[in-house]
C-alpha atoms as a PDB file:
ATOM      1  CA  MET A   1     -49.423 -10.804 -49.547  1.00  0.00           C
ATOM      2  CA  PRO A   2     -48.200 -13.538 -47.189  1.00  0.00           C
ATOM      3  CA  LYS A   3     -48.280 -12.734 -43.508  1.00  0.00           C
ATOM      4  CA  LYS A   4     -44.992 -11.888 -41.816  1.00  0.00           C
ATOM      5  CA  LEU A   5     -44.041 -14.573 -39.358  1.00  0.00           C
ATOM      6  CA  PRO A   6     -43.284 -13.413 -35.796  1.00  0.00           C
ATOM      7  CA  THR A   7     -39.630 -13.374 -34.690  1.00  0.00           C
ATOM      8  CA  LEU A   8     -38.806 -16.159 -32.270  1.00  0.00           C
ATOM      9  CA  ASN A   9     -36.339 -15.417 -29.484  1.00  0.00           C
ATOM     10  CA  LEU A  10     -34.744 -18.810 -29.082  1.00  0.00           C
ATOM     11  CA  PRO A  11     -32.180 -19.565 -26.374  1.00  0.00           C
ATOM     12  CA  PRO A  12     -28.604 -20.430 -27.412  1.00  0.00           C
ATOM     13  CA  ALA A  13     -28.165 -23.910 -28.801  1.00  0.00           C
ATOM     14  CA  GLY A  14     -26.104 -24.950 -25.791  1.00  0.00           C
ATOM     15  CA  ASP A  15     -28.997 -24.116 -23.477  1.00  0.00           C
ATOM     16  CA  LEU A  16     -31.331 -26.381 -25.420  1.00  0.00           C
ATOM     17  CA  PHE A  17     -29.220 -29.422 -24.621  1.00  0.00           C
ATOM     18  CA  SER A  18     -28.207 -28.711 -20.997  1.00  0.00           C
ATOM     19  CA  THR A  19     -29.988 -28.477 -17.672  1.00  0.00           C
ATOM     20  CA  GLN A  20     -30.206 -25.323 -15.573  1.00  0.00           C
ATOM     21  CA  ALA A  21     -27.993 -26.992 -12.950  1.00  0.00           C
ATOM     22  CA  GLU A  22     -25.332 -27.638 -15.588  1.00  0.00           C
ATOM     23  CA  ARG A  23     -25.503 -24.041 -16.783  1.00  0.00           C
ATOM     24  CA  ASP A  24     -25.257 -22.720 -13.205  1.00  0.00           C
ATOM     25  CA  ASP A  25     -22.249 -24.947 -12.577  1.00  0.00           C
ATOM     26  CA  ALA A  26     -20.524 -23.681 -15.734  1.00  0.00           C
ATOM     27  CA  ASN A  27     -20.914 -20.071 -14.545  1.00  0.00           C
ATOM     28  CA  ARG A  28     -19.746 -20.809 -11.000  1.00  0.00           C
ATOM     29  CA  GLU A  29     -16.175 -19.852 -10.139  1.00  0.00           C
ATOM     30  CA  LYS A  30     -13.912 -22.848  -9.755  1.00  0.00           C
ATOM     31  CA  VAL A  31     -10.624 -23.317  -7.942  1.00  0.00           C
ATOM     32  CA  LEU A  32      -7.842 -24.516 -10.228  1.00  0.00           C
ATOM     33  CA  ASP A  33      -4.295 -25.614  -9.421  1.00  0.00           C
ATOM     34  CA  ILE A  34      -2.101 -23.348 -11.580  1.00  0.00           C
ATOM     35  CA  PRO A  35       1.695 -23.704 -11.972  1.00  0.00           C
ATOM     36  CA  LEU A  36       3.577 -20.966 -10.123  1.00  0.00           C
ATOM     37  CA  ASP A  37       5.771 -20.294 -13.145  1.00  0.00           C
ATOM     38  CA  SER A  38       2.667 -19.467 -15.222  1.00  0.00           C
ATOM     39  CA  ILE A  39       1.643 -16.582 -12.952  1.00  0.00           C
ATOM     40  CA  ASP A  40       3.020 -13.037 -13.285  1.00  0.00           C
ATOM     41  CA  ALA A  41       2.970 -10.419 -10.538  1.00  0.00           C
ATOM     42  CA  PHE A  42       0.492  -7.558 -10.769  1.00  0.00           C
ATOM     43  CA  PRO A  43       2.121  -4.628 -12.636  1.00  0.00           C
ATOM     44  CA  ASP A  44       3.487  -1.964 -10.242  1.00  0.00           C
ATOM     45  CA  HIS A  45       2.184  -3.915  -7.248  1.00  0.00           C
ATOM     46  CA  PRO A  46       2.194  -1.321  -4.431  1.00  0.00           C
ATOM     47  CA  PHE A  47       2.399  -3.736  -1.506  1.00  0.00           C
ATOM     48  CA  LEU A  48       5.752  -5.098  -0.378  1.00  0.00           C
ATOM     49  CA  VAL A  49       6.321  -8.845  -0.213  1.00  0.00           C
ATOM     50  CA  LYS A  50       9.197  -9.289   2.231  1.00  0.00           C
ATOM     51  CA  MET A  51      11.298 -12.273   3.175  1.00  0.00           C
ATOM     52  CA  ASP A  52      10.896 -11.870   6.935  1.00  0.00           C
ATOM     53  CA  GLU A  53       9.888 -13.968   9.929  1.00  0.00           C
ATOM     54  CA  SER A  54       6.208 -13.627   9.063  1.00  0.00           C
ATOM     55  CA  MET A  55       6.835 -14.916   5.550  1.00  0.00           C
ATOM     56  CA  GLN A  56       8.892 -17.824   6.836  1.00  0.00           C
ATOM     57  CA  ALA A  57       6.062 -18.726   9.225  1.00  0.00           C
ATOM     58  CA  MET A  58       3.588 -18.627   6.325  1.00  0.00           C
ATOM     59  CA  ALA A  59       5.856 -20.878   4.255  1.00  0.00           C
ATOM     60  CA  ASP A  60       6.043 -23.362   7.150  1.00  0.00           C
ATOM     61  CA  SER A  61       2.248 -23.356   7.393  1.00  0.00           C
ATOM     62  CA  VAL A  62       1.852 -23.886   3.657  1.00  0.00           C
ATOM     63  CA  ARG A  63       4.341 -26.749   3.800  1.00  0.00           C
ATOM     64  CA  ALA A  64       2.288 -28.357   6.568  1.00  0.00           C
ATOM     65  CA  VAL A  65      -1.336 -27.783   5.529  1.00  0.00           C
ATOM     66  CA  GLY A  66      -1.219 -26.154   2.082  1.00  0.00           C
ATOM     67  CA  ILE A  67      -3.027 -23.009   0.917  1.00  0.00           C
ATOM     68  CA  GLN A  68      -6.382 -22.574   2.658  1.00  0.00           C
ATOM     69  CA  THR A  69      -7.536 -19.460   0.758  1.00  0.00           C
ATOM     70  CA  PRO A  70      -7.090 -19.560  -3.040  1.00  0.00           C
ATOM     71  CA  ALA A  71      -5.311 -16.721  -4.810  1.00  0.00           C
ATOM     72  CA  VAL A  72      -7.173 -14.704  -7.450  1.00  0.00           C
ATOM     73  CA  VAL A  73      -5.783 -14.423 -10.971  1.00  0.00           C
ATOM     74  CA  ARG A  74      -6.963 -13.255 -14.371  1.00  0.00           C
ATOM     75  CA  LEU A  75      -6.088 -14.696 -17.760  1.00  0.00           C
ATOM     76  CA  LYS A  76      -3.776 -12.598 -19.938  1.00  0.00           C
ATOM     77  CA  GLU A  77      -3.845 -12.352 -23.729  1.00  0.00           C
ATOM     78  CA  ASP A  78      -0.628 -14.379 -24.012  1.00  0.00           C
ATOM     79  CA  GLY A  79      -2.186 -17.299 -22.140  1.00  0.00           C
ATOM     80  CA  ARG A  80      -0.334 -16.630 -18.876  1.00  0.00           C
ATOM     81  CA  TYR A  81      -1.998 -15.501 -15.666  1.00  0.00           C
ATOM     82  CA  GLU A  82      -1.744 -12.231 -13.752  1.00  0.00           C
ATOM     83  CA  LEU A  83      -1.906 -12.349  -9.960  1.00  0.00           C
ATOM     84  CA  VAL A  84      -4.623 -10.077  -8.559  1.00  0.00           C
ATOM     85  CA  SER A  85      -4.445 -11.111  -4.908  1.00  0.00           C
ATOM     86  CA  GLY A  86      -2.180 -13.623  -3.215  1.00  0.00           C
ATOM     87  CA  HIS A  87       1.375 -12.342  -3.731  1.00  0.00           C
ATOM     88  CA  ARG A  88       2.414 -13.416  -0.232  1.00  0.00           C
ATOM     89  CA  ARG A  89       0.740 -16.795  -0.675  1.00  0.00           C
ATOM     90  CA  LYS A  90       2.556 -17.307  -3.968  1.00  0.00           C
ATOM     91  CA  MET A  91       5.927 -16.519  -2.369  1.00  0.00           C
ATOM     92  CA  ALA A  92       5.114 -18.860   0.524  1.00  0.00           C
ATOM     93  CA  CYS A  93       4.377 -21.653  -1.977  1.00  0.00           C
ATOM     94  CA  GLU A  94       7.721 -21.020  -3.672  1.00  0.00           C
ATOM     95  CA  LEU A  95       9.557 -21.157  -0.335  1.00  0.00           C
ATOM     96  CA  ALA A  96       7.667 -24.331   0.587  1.00  0.00           C
ATOM     97  CA  GLY A  97       8.825 -25.995  -2.623  1.00  0.00           C
ATOM     98  CA  LEU A  98       5.372 -26.325  -4.200  1.00  0.00           C
ATOM     99  CA  GLU A  99       4.882 -26.197  -7.957  1.00  0.00           C
ATOM    100  CA  ASN A 100       1.216 -25.154  -8.071  1.00  0.00           C
ATOM    101  CA  ILE A 101      -1.085 -22.811  -6.172  1.00  0.00           C
ATOM    102  CA  PRO A 102      -4.901 -23.019  -5.964  1.00  0.00           C
ATOM    103  CA  CYS A 103      -6.439 -20.045  -7.762  1.00  0.00           C
ATOM    104  CA  ILE A 104      -9.770 -18.590  -8.734  1.00  0.00           C
ATOM    105  CA  VAL A 105      -9.638 -17.381 -12.346  1.00  0.00           C
ATOM    106  CA  ARG A 106     -11.756 -14.255 -12.570  1.00  0.00           C
ATOM    107  CA  GLU A 107     -12.727 -12.156 -15.584  1.00  0.00           C
ATOM    108  CA  LEU A 108     -11.616  -8.597 -14.782  1.00  0.00           C
ATOM    109  CA  ASP A 109     -10.765  -5.607 -16.941  1.00  0.00           C
ATOM    110  CA  ASP A 110      -7.743  -3.481 -16.025  1.00  0.00           C
ATOM    111  CA  ASP A 111      -9.577  -1.058 -13.726  1.00  0.00           C
ATOM    112  CA  ASN A 112     -11.580  -3.724 -11.898  1.00  0.00           C
ATOM    113  CA  ALA A 113      -8.372  -5.727 -11.468  1.00  0.00           C
ATOM    114  CA  VAL A 114      -6.696  -2.720  -9.804  1.00  0.00           C
ATOM    115  CA  ILE A 115      -9.677  -2.200  -7.497  1.00  0.00           C
ATOM    116  CA  ALA A 116      -9.816  -5.890  -6.544  1.00  0.00           C
ATOM    117  CA  MET A 117      -6.047  -5.999  -5.928  1.00  0.00           C
ATOM    118  CA  VAL A 118      -6.062  -2.938  -3.659  1.00  0.00           C
ATOM    119  CA  ASP A 119      -9.164  -4.001  -1.726  1.00  0.00           C
ATOM    120  CA  ALA A 120      -7.707  -7.441  -0.997  1.00  0.00           C
ATOM    121  CA  ASN A 121      -4.389  -6.063   0.265  1.00  0.00           C
ATOM    122  CA  LEU A 122      -5.862  -3.288   2.411  1.00  0.00           C
ATOM    123  CA  GLN A 123      -7.007  -6.047   4.769  1.00  0.00           C
ATOM    124  CA  ARG A 124      -3.405  -6.542   5.946  1.00  0.00           C
ATOM    125  CA  GLU A 125      -2.710  -5.877   9.625  1.00  0.00           C
ATOM    126  CA  VAL A 126       0.333  -3.657   8.959  1.00  0.00           C
ATOM    127  CA  ILE A 127       0.332  -1.267   5.994  1.00  0.00           C
ATOM    128  CA  LEU A 128       3.169   1.200   5.431  1.00  0.00           C
ATOM    129  CA  PRO A 129       2.411   4.809   4.423  1.00  0.00           C
ATOM    130  CA  SER A 130       4.127   4.181   1.058  1.00  0.00           C
ATOM    131  CA  GLU A 131       1.863   1.179   0.430  1.00  0.00           C
ATOM    132  CA  LYS A 132      -1.233   3.212   1.236  1.00  0.00           C
ATOM    133  CA  ALA A 133       0.027   6.050  -0.953  1.00  0.00           C
ATOM    134  CA  ARG A 134       0.615   3.924  -4.048  1.00  0.00           C
ATOM    135  CA  SER A 135      -2.461   1.744  -3.624  1.00  0.00           C
ATOM    136  CA  TYR A 136      -4.784   4.695  -2.965  1.00  0.00           C
ATOM    137  CA  LYS A 137      -3.474   6.407  -6.092  1.00  0.00           C
ATOM    138  CA  MET A 138      -3.902   3.294  -8.247  1.00  0.00           C
ATOM    139  CA  ARG A 139      -7.423   2.613  -6.980  1.00  0.00           C
ATOM    140  CA  TYR A 140      -8.425   6.256  -7.188  1.00  0.00           C
ATOM    141  CA  GLU A 141      -7.273   6.599 -10.797  1.00  0.00           C
ATOM    142  CA  ALA A 142      -9.094   3.381 -11.721  1.00  0.00           C
ATOM    143  CA  MET A 143     -12.283   4.710 -10.110  1.00  0.00           C
ATOM    144  CA  LYS A 144     -11.916   8.012 -11.985  1.00  0.00           C
ATOM    145  CA  ARG A 145     -11.605   6.184 -15.298  1.00  0.00           C
ATOM    146  CA  GLN A 146     -14.729   4.193 -14.504  1.00  0.00           C
ATOM    147  CA  ALA A 147     -16.656   7.310 -13.495  1.00  0.00           C
ATOM    148  CA  GLY A 148     -15.564   9.347 -16.512  1.00  0.00           C
ATOM    149  CA  ARG A 149     -13.663  12.586 -16.752  1.00  0.00           C
ATOM    150  CA  PRO A 150     -13.822  14.981 -13.750  1.00  0.00           C
ATOM    151  CA  SER A 151     -16.198  17.915 -13.949  1.00  0.00           C
ATOM    152  CA  GLN A 152     -14.766  21.269 -15.030  1.00  0.00           C
ATOM    153  CA  ASN A 153     -16.380  22.743 -11.901  1.00  0.00           C
ATOM    154  CA  ASN A 154     -14.455  20.430  -9.589  1.00  0.00           C
ATOM    155  CA  VAL A 155     -12.567  22.357  -6.891  1.00  0.00           C
ATOM    156  CA  SER A 156     -10.904  19.416  -5.129  1.00  0.00           C
ATOM    157  CA  PRO A 157      -7.324  20.212  -3.953  1.00  0.00           C
ATOM    158  CA  VAL A 158      -5.509  17.880  -6.330  1.00  0.00           C
ATOM    159  CA  GLY A 159      -7.883  17.996  -9.274  1.00  0.00           C
ATOM    160  CA  THR A 160      -9.901  14.948  -8.287  1.00  0.00           C
ATOM    161  CA  ASN A 161     -13.359  13.656  -8.986  1.00  0.00           C
ATOM    162  CA  LEU A 162     -15.558  14.294  -5.938  1.00  0.00           C
ATOM    163  CA  ARG A 163     -17.552  11.073  -6.164  1.00  0.00           C
ATOM    164  CA  SER A 164     -14.458   8.910  -6.530  1.00  0.00           C
ATOM    165  CA  ASP A 165     -12.478  10.376  -3.635  1.00  0.00           C
ATOM    166  CA  GLU A 166     -15.469  10.305  -1.293  1.00  0.00           C
ATOM    167  CA  GLU A 167     -16.127   6.680  -2.202  1.00  0.00           C
ATOM    168  CA  LEU A 168     -12.469   5.820  -1.602  1.00  0.00           C
ATOM    169  CA  ALA A 169     -12.579   7.591   1.775  1.00  0.00           C
ATOM    170  CA  GLN A 170     -15.652   5.616   2.820  1.00  0.00           C
ATOM    171  CA  MET A 171     -14.080   2.361   1.699  1.00  0.00           C
ATOM    172  CA  THR A 172     -10.737   2.884   3.473  1.00  0.00           C
ATOM    173  CA  GLY A 173     -11.942   4.585   6.640  1.00  0.00           C
ATOM    174  CA  ASP A 174      -9.596   7.532   6.058  1.00  0.00           C
ATOM    175  CA  SER A 175     -11.079  10.985   5.586  1.00  0.00           C
ATOM    176  CA  ARG A 176     -11.242  12.471   2.100  1.00  0.00           C
ATOM    177  CA  ASN A 177      -8.459  14.925   2.953  1.00  0.00           C
ATOM    178  CA  GLN A 178      -6.332  12.129   4.392  1.00  0.00           C
ATOM    179  CA  VAL A 179      -6.768  10.128   1.187  1.00  0.00           C
ATOM    180  CA  HIS A 180      -5.412  13.110  -0.762  1.00  0.00           C
ATOM    181  CA  ARG A 181      -2.496  13.430   1.647  1.00  0.00           C
ATOM    182  CA  TYR A 182      -1.537   9.808   1.084  1.00  0.00           C
ATOM    183  CA  ILE A 183      -1.785  10.239  -2.692  1.00  0.00           C
ATOM    184  CA  ARG A 184       0.503  13.289  -2.469  1.00  0.00           C
ATOM    185  CA  LEU A 185       3.184  11.096  -0.873  1.00  0.00           C
ATOM    186  CA  THR A 186       3.685   9.369  -4.231  1.00  0.00           C
ATOM    187  CA  GLU A 187       5.451  12.577  -5.360  1.00  0.00           C
ATOM    188  CA  LEU A 188       8.249  12.009  -2.821  1.00  0.00           C
ATOM    189  CA  THR A 189      11.552  10.479  -3.876  1.00  0.00           C
ATOM    190  CA  PRO A 190      12.068   6.857  -2.773  1.00  0.00           C
ATOM    191  CA  GLN A 191      14.563   7.993  -0.117  1.00  0.00           C
ATOM    192  CA  MET A 192      12.150  10.518   1.384  1.00  0.00           C
ATOM    193  CA  LEU A 193       9.276   8.029   1.246  1.00  0.00           C
ATOM    194  CA  ASP A 194      11.432   5.499   3.110  1.00  0.00           C
ATOM    195  CA  MET A 195      11.853   8.074   5.869  1.00  0.00           C
ATOM    196  CA  VAL A 196       8.072   8.433   6.095  1.00  0.00           C
ATOM    197  CA  ASP A 197       7.762   4.637   6.361  1.00  0.00           C
ATOM    198  CA  GLY A 198      10.403   4.633   9.076  1.00  0.00           C
ATOM    199  CA  GLY A 199       8.592   7.288  11.099  1.00  0.00           C
ATOM    200  CA  GLN A 200      11.375   9.880  10.763  1.00  0.00           C
ATOM    201  CA  ILE A 201       9.152  12.281   8.821  1.00  0.00           C
ATOM    202  CA  ALA A 202       5.522  12.782   9.851  1.00  0.00           C
ATOM    203  CA  MET A 203       2.602  13.000   7.443  1.00  0.00           C
ATOM    204  CA  ARG A 204       2.025  16.776   7.458  1.00  0.00           C
ATOM    205  CA  PRO A 205       5.618  17.843   6.691  1.00  0.00           C
ATOM    206  CA  ALA A 206       5.899  14.958   4.193  1.00  0.00           C
ATOM    207  CA  VAL A 207       2.926  16.309   2.241  1.00  0.00           C
ATOM    208  CA  GLU A 208       4.518  19.776   2.085  1.00  0.00           C
ATOM    209  CA  LEU A 209       7.844  18.283   0.958  1.00  0.00           C
ATOM    210  CA  SER A 210       6.069  16.355  -1.814  1.00  0.00           C
ATOM    211  CA  TYR A 211       5.670  19.671  -3.654  1.00  0.00           C
ATOM    212  CA  LEU A 212       9.454  20.133  -3.882  1.00  0.00           C
ATOM    213  CA  PRO A 213      11.076  19.139  -7.185  1.00  0.00           C
ATOM    214  CA  GLN A 214      12.977  15.846  -7.071  1.00  0.00           C
ATOM    215  CA  GLU A 215      16.371  17.595  -7.178  1.00  0.00           C
ATOM    216  CA  GLN A 216      15.539  19.727  -4.137  1.00  0.00           C
ATOM    217  CA  GLN A 217      14.232  16.699  -2.262  1.00  0.00           C
ATOM    218  CA  GLN A 218      17.629  15.093  -2.851  1.00  0.00           C
ATOM    219  CA  LEU A 219      19.370  18.203  -1.494  1.00  0.00           C
ATOM    220  CA  LEU A 220      17.149  18.034   1.570  1.00  0.00           C
ATOM    221  CA  HIS A 221      17.941  14.355   2.083  1.00  0.00           C
ATOM    222  CA  ASP A 222      21.663  15.152   1.996  1.00  0.00           C
ATOM    223  CA  VAL A 223      21.196  17.863   4.635  1.00  0.00           C
ATOM    224  CA  ILE A 224      19.133  15.501   6.807  1.00  0.00           C
ATOM    225  CA  GLU A 225      22.006  13.006   6.822  1.00  0.00           C
ATOM    226  CA  VAL A 226      24.533  15.700   7.767  1.00  0.00           C
ATOM    227  CA  GLU A 227      22.404  17.421  10.408  1.00  0.00           C
ATOM    228  CA  GLU A 228      20.816  14.200  11.720  1.00  0.00           C
ATOM    229  CA  ARG A 229      17.457  15.916  12.036  1.00  0.00           C
ATOM    230  CA  THR A 230      14.282  15.994   9.982  1.00  0.00           C
ATOM    231  CA  PRO A 231      12.080  18.987   9.100  1.00  0.00           C
ATOM    232  CA  SER A 232       9.083  20.031  11.156  1.00  0.00           C
ATOM    233  CA  HIS A 233       5.839  21.030   9.463  1.00  0.00           C
ATOM    234  CA  THR A 234       6.770  24.713   9.762  1.00  0.00           C
ATOM    235  CA  GLN A 235      10.194  24.114   8.224  1.00  0.00           C
ATOM    236  CA  ALA A 236       8.665  22.080   5.404  1.00  0.00           C
ATOM    237  CA  VAL A 237       6.221  24.905   4.648  1.00  0.00           C
ATOM    238  CA  LYS A 238       9.130  27.389   4.460  1.00  0.00           C
ATOM    239  CA  MET A 239      10.925  25.131   1.972  1.00  0.00           C
ATOM    240  CA  ARG A 240       7.819  24.775  -0.160  1.00  0.00           C
ATOM    241  CA  ILE A 241       7.411  28.580  -0.300  1.00  0.00           C
ATOM    242  CA  LEU A 242      11.069  29.141  -1.244  1.00  0.00           C
ATOM    243  CA  ALA A 243      10.882  26.370  -3.869  1.00  0.00           C
ATOM    244  CA  LYS A 244       7.851  28.028  -5.439  1.00  0.00           C
ATOM    245  CA  GLU A 245       9.784  31.319  -5.544  1.00  0.00           C
ATOM    246  CA  GLY A 246      12.806  29.566  -7.090  1.00  0.00           C
ATOM    247  CA  ARG A 247      15.017  30.383  -4.083  1.00  0.00           C
ATOM    248  CA  LEU A 248      15.456  26.973  -2.441  1.00  0.00           C
ATOM    249  CA  ASP A 249      19.058  25.774  -2.685  1.00  0.00           C
ATOM    250  CA  SER A 250      21.279  23.747  -0.335  1.00  0.00           C
ATOM    251  CA  ASP A 251      22.256  26.858   1.678  1.00  0.00           C
ATOM    252  CA  ALA A 252      18.606  27.826   2.193  1.00  0.00           C
ATOM    253  CA  ILE A 253      17.735  24.254   3.201  1.00  0.00           C
ATOM    254  CA  MET A 254      20.638  24.161   5.656  1.00  0.00           C
ATOM    255  CA  SER A 255      19.597  27.503   7.182  1.00  0.00           C
ATOM    256  CA  ILE A 256      16.004  26.322   7.652  1.00  0.00           C
ATOM    257  CA  MET A 257      17.057  22.951   9.065  1.00  0.00           C
ATOM    258  CA  GLN A 258      19.387  24.573  11.622  1.00  0.00           C
ATOM    259  CA  ASP A 259      16.432  26.396  13.166  1.00  0.00           C
ATOM    260  CA  ASP A 260      15.636  24.405  16.284  1.00  0.00           C
ATOM    261  CA  LYS A 261      12.278  22.703  16.463  1.00  0.00           C
ATOM    262  CA  PRO A 262      10.655  21.357  19.654  1.00  0.00           C
ATOM    263  CA  GLY A 263      11.840  17.900  20.606  1.00  0.00           C
ATOM    264  CA  GLN A 264      14.545  17.844  17.935  1.00  0.00           C
ATOM    265  CA  ILE A 265      17.688  18.572  19.974  1.00  0.00           C
ATOM    266  CA  GLU A 266      17.278  15.894  22.639  1.00  0.00           C
ATOM    267  CA  HIS A 267      16.583  12.926  20.365  1.00  0.00           C
ATOM    268  CA  PHE A 268      17.575   9.434  21.487  1.00  0.00           C
ATOM    269  CA  LYS A 269      18.490   7.037  18.679  1.00  0.00           C
ATOM    270  CA  LEU A 270      18.690   3.247  18.789  1.00  0.00           C
ATOM    271  CA  PRO A 271      19.953   1.237  15.783  1.00  0.00           C
ATOM    272  CA  ARG A 272      17.107  -0.795  14.281  1.00  0.00           C
ATOM    273  CA  GLU A 273      19.445  -3.788  13.964  1.00  0.00           C
ATOM    274  CA  ARG A 274      19.428  -4.146  17.757  1.00  0.00           C
ATOM    275  CA  LEU A 275      15.637  -4.484  17.732  1.00  0.00           C
ATOM    276  CA  HIS A 276      15.170  -6.938  14.854  1.00  0.00           C
ATOM    277  CA  ARG A 277      14.709  -9.979  17.099  1.00  0.00           C
ATOM    278  CA  PHE A 278      11.946  -8.223  19.036  1.00  0.00           C
ATOM    279  CA  PHE A 279       9.951  -6.685  16.174  1.00  0.00           C
ATOM    280  CA  PRO A 280       9.066  -7.792  12.609  1.00  0.00           C
ATOM    281  CA  ALA A 281      10.856  -5.740   9.950  1.00  0.00           C
ATOM    282  CA  ASP A 282       7.633  -3.988   8.868  1.00  0.00           C
ATOM    283  CA  THR A 283       6.686  -2.762  12.389  1.00  0.00           C
ATOM    284  CA  PRO A 284       6.036   1.023  12.304  1.00  0.00           C
ATOM    285  CA  ALA A 285       8.474   3.165  14.295  1.00  0.00           C
ATOM    286  CA  GLN A 286       5.670   4.570  16.453  1.00  0.00           C
ATOM    287  CA  THR A 287       4.623   1.051  17.506  1.00  0.00           C
ATOM    288  CA  ILE A 288       8.229   0.209  18.407  1.00  0.00           C
ATOM    289  CA  GLU A 289       8.564   3.403  20.457  1.00  0.00           C
ATOM    290  CA  GLU A 290       5.307   2.797  22.361  1.00  0.00           C
ATOM    291  CA  THR A 291       6.267  -0.823  23.121  1.00  0.00           C
ATOM    292  CA  ILE A 292       9.711   0.182  24.404  1.00  0.00           C
ATOM    293  CA  VAL A 293       8.223   2.884  26.644  1.00  0.00           C
ATOM    294  CA  GLU A 294       5.694   0.390  28.076  1.00  0.00           C
ATOM    295  CA  ALA A 295       8.493  -2.111  28.733  1.00  0.00           C
ATOM    296  CA  LEU A 296      10.575   0.552  30.485  1.00  0.00           C
ATOM    297  CA  GLU A 297       7.626   1.600  32.616  1.00  0.00           C
ATOM    298  CA  LEU A 298       7.094  -2.030  33.646  1.00  0.00           C
ATOM    299  CA  TRP A 299      10.788  -2.418  34.440  1.00  0.00           C
ATOM    300  CA  HIS A 300      10.815   0.812  36.453  1.00  0.00           C
ATOM    301  CA  SER A 301       7.744  -0.330  38.384  1.00  0.00           C
ATOM    302  CA  LYS A 302       9.421  -3.633  39.290  1.00  0.00           C
ATOM    303  CA  GLN A 303      12.630  -1.842  40.290  1.00  0.00           C
ATOM    304  CA  SER A 304      10.762   0.499  42.625  1.00  0.00           C
ATOM    305  CA  ARG A 305       9.195  -2.464  44.450  1.00  0.00           C
ATOM    306  CA  LYS A 306      12.547  -4.140  45.171  1.00  0.00           C
ATOM    307  CA  PRO A 307      13.687  -3.835  48.806  1.00  0.00           C
ATOM    308  CA  ARG A 308      16.641  -1.502  49.178  1.00  0.00           C
ATOM    309  CA  PRO A 309      19.798  -2.894  50.815  1.00  0.00           C
ATOM    310  CA  GLY A 310      20.493  -1.871  54.422  1.00  0.00           C
END
């Protein structure tokens, strides 16, 4: 019987006729100039891209020196590209009148694309609560899919996978509980979430209100506009309890909202339009308030040093 020849593990044919340097270069990520009209936005992108002073300044910079940091895209099945990071840069290129944008084309599956998109945008200096809420939820769900189904023994407050939420907390710098609070905000109606972004509703009452059905959140929003006051944490808890019991209607909301809460009666309001030339549109309300108070303190200090007449 003839002897069986040993199996030879030969390298791919392409490797036989190329150098290691050539193979390394082929695997290295390259920057390509890609037409803007061939790139689609990331689906359900949670971060706002606004036409504000900051964007105009970026467009002016791009017009002068071009894009210094390439965007990241991935190739879609239809031959177009999907933008993973660089939505502001893309808009700046459009405003600057450019036709192409330098991009790194990266191979990413859906979940890794979500994770890369969120991680890149969390580096922004100003992030609204709604942006954190949506991005944390998207990244968290992608991490859960990668980790597999949650354990049946999991006792996390919103049915989450322990490893995923702890990893997300470590990555973002927010505590695990705070991550869950942000994710809960995605259950708010757009109008209520706008009020959280604007600083009218704080995090703790907003989380409680997120458990109200959409219809009752709309009733609450109507009462807020009439009463010109927002619910405290205690008031929000009362509404959540009544909603669970099926007893929360507009009359009950009005009754709860008319209960005075500390600091609610004497509330000074200043139209945001009067502040637009001093603050970018995405400046949080708390930052605006602190800056105004500091300015008033400085003014008061200067006034007190002025010599009095006579």
